[in-house]
Protein backbone atom coordinates (compact mmCIF):
# COMPACT_ATOMS: atom_id res chain seq x y z
CA MET A 1 69.94 -60.62 73.51
CA LYS A 2 73.28 -58.91 73.04
CA SER A 3 76.38 -60.91 72.25
CA TRP A 4 79.41 -60.71 74.50
CA LEU A 5 81.16 -58.76 71.75
CA GLU A 6 78.42 -56.14 71.57
CA GLN A 7 78.41 -55.89 75.36
CA ALA A 8 82.19 -55.42 75.41
CA ARG A 9 82.01 -52.71 72.72
CA GLU A 10 79.28 -50.82 74.55
CA GLU A 11 81.03 -51.24 77.90
CA SER A 12 84.10 -49.63 76.33
CA GLY A 13 82.09 -46.72 74.97
CA LEU A 14 83.03 -47.52 71.38
CA THR A 15 80.93 -47.11 68.28
CA VAL A 16 80.31 -49.76 65.65
CA SER A 17 82.28 -47.60 63.23
CA GLN A 18 85.33 -47.45 65.50
CA CYS A 19 85.34 -51.22 65.85
CA ALA A 20 84.87 -51.78 62.13
CA ILE A 21 87.83 -49.52 61.42
CA ALA A 22 89.94 -51.36 64.01
CA ILE A 23 89.40 -54.69 62.26
CA ARG A 24 89.59 -53.12 58.79
CA GLN A 25 86.16 -54.31 57.74
CA PRO A 26 83.04 -52.54 56.50
CA ILE A 27 80.46 -51.76 59.16
CA GLU A 28 78.12 -54.41 57.76
CA VAL A 29 80.78 -57.10 58.18
CA TYR A 30 81.58 -55.95 61.71
CA LEU A 31 77.88 -56.10 62.63
CA GLN A 32 77.69 -59.67 61.32
CA ILE A 33 80.66 -60.58 63.50
CA GLU A 34 79.10 -58.83 66.48
CA ARG A 35 75.90 -60.84 66.05
CA ARG A 36 77.89 -64.09 65.67
CA PRO A 37 81.13 -63.48 67.58
CA GLY A 38 82.20 -67.09 67.15
CA THR A 39 83.22 -66.10 63.62
CA ILE A 40 85.79 -63.50 64.70
CA SER A 41 89.41 -64.14 63.82
CA LEU A 42 92.14 -63.97 66.42
CA ASN A 43 93.69 -60.98 64.66
CA GLU A 44 90.35 -59.15 64.71
CA LEU A 45 89.82 -60.02 68.36
CA LYS A 46 93.29 -58.73 69.25
CA ALA A 47 92.64 -55.45 67.42
CA LEU A 48 89.40 -54.96 69.32
CA CYS A 49 90.87 -55.90 72.68
CA ASP A 50 93.52 -53.23 72.15
CA LEU A 51 90.64 -50.72 72.16
CA PHE A 52 88.47 -52.28 74.85
CA SER A 53 88.40 -51.19 78.46
CA GLU A 54 89.83 -53.48 81.11
CA ALA A 55 86.34 -54.60 82.13
CA ALA A 56 85.46 -55.38 78.52
CA GLN A 57 88.69 -57.35 78.11
CA THR A 58 87.66 -59.42 81.12
CA ARG A 59 84.30 -60.05 79.46
CA VAL A 60 86.10 -61.26 76.33
CA GLN A 61 88.35 -63.54 78.37
CA GLN A 62 85.33 -65.05 80.10
CA ALA A 63 83.57 -65.61 76.77
CA ILE A 64 86.65 -67.43 75.46
CA MET A 65 86.87 -69.59 78.58
CA ASP A 66 83.16 -70.43 78.31
CA ALA A 67 83.63 -71.39 74.65
CA ILE A 68 86.54 -73.73 75.23
CA GLY A 69 84.97 -75.30 78.27
């Protein structure tokens, strides 16, 4: 099952490499974050949201709302 972060990346048409560069992390680190998006920092999330499509940003917002209850 894909994480909300992976879904948002794919929905935006971005590669893993593009996202890793955006958060200034190696690809391996980005993939770990994508598998466990609860570990993402706010700065990393902001950097990714700057790249994401509007629909993907909505997905991120919903994931945050679901997480905080």
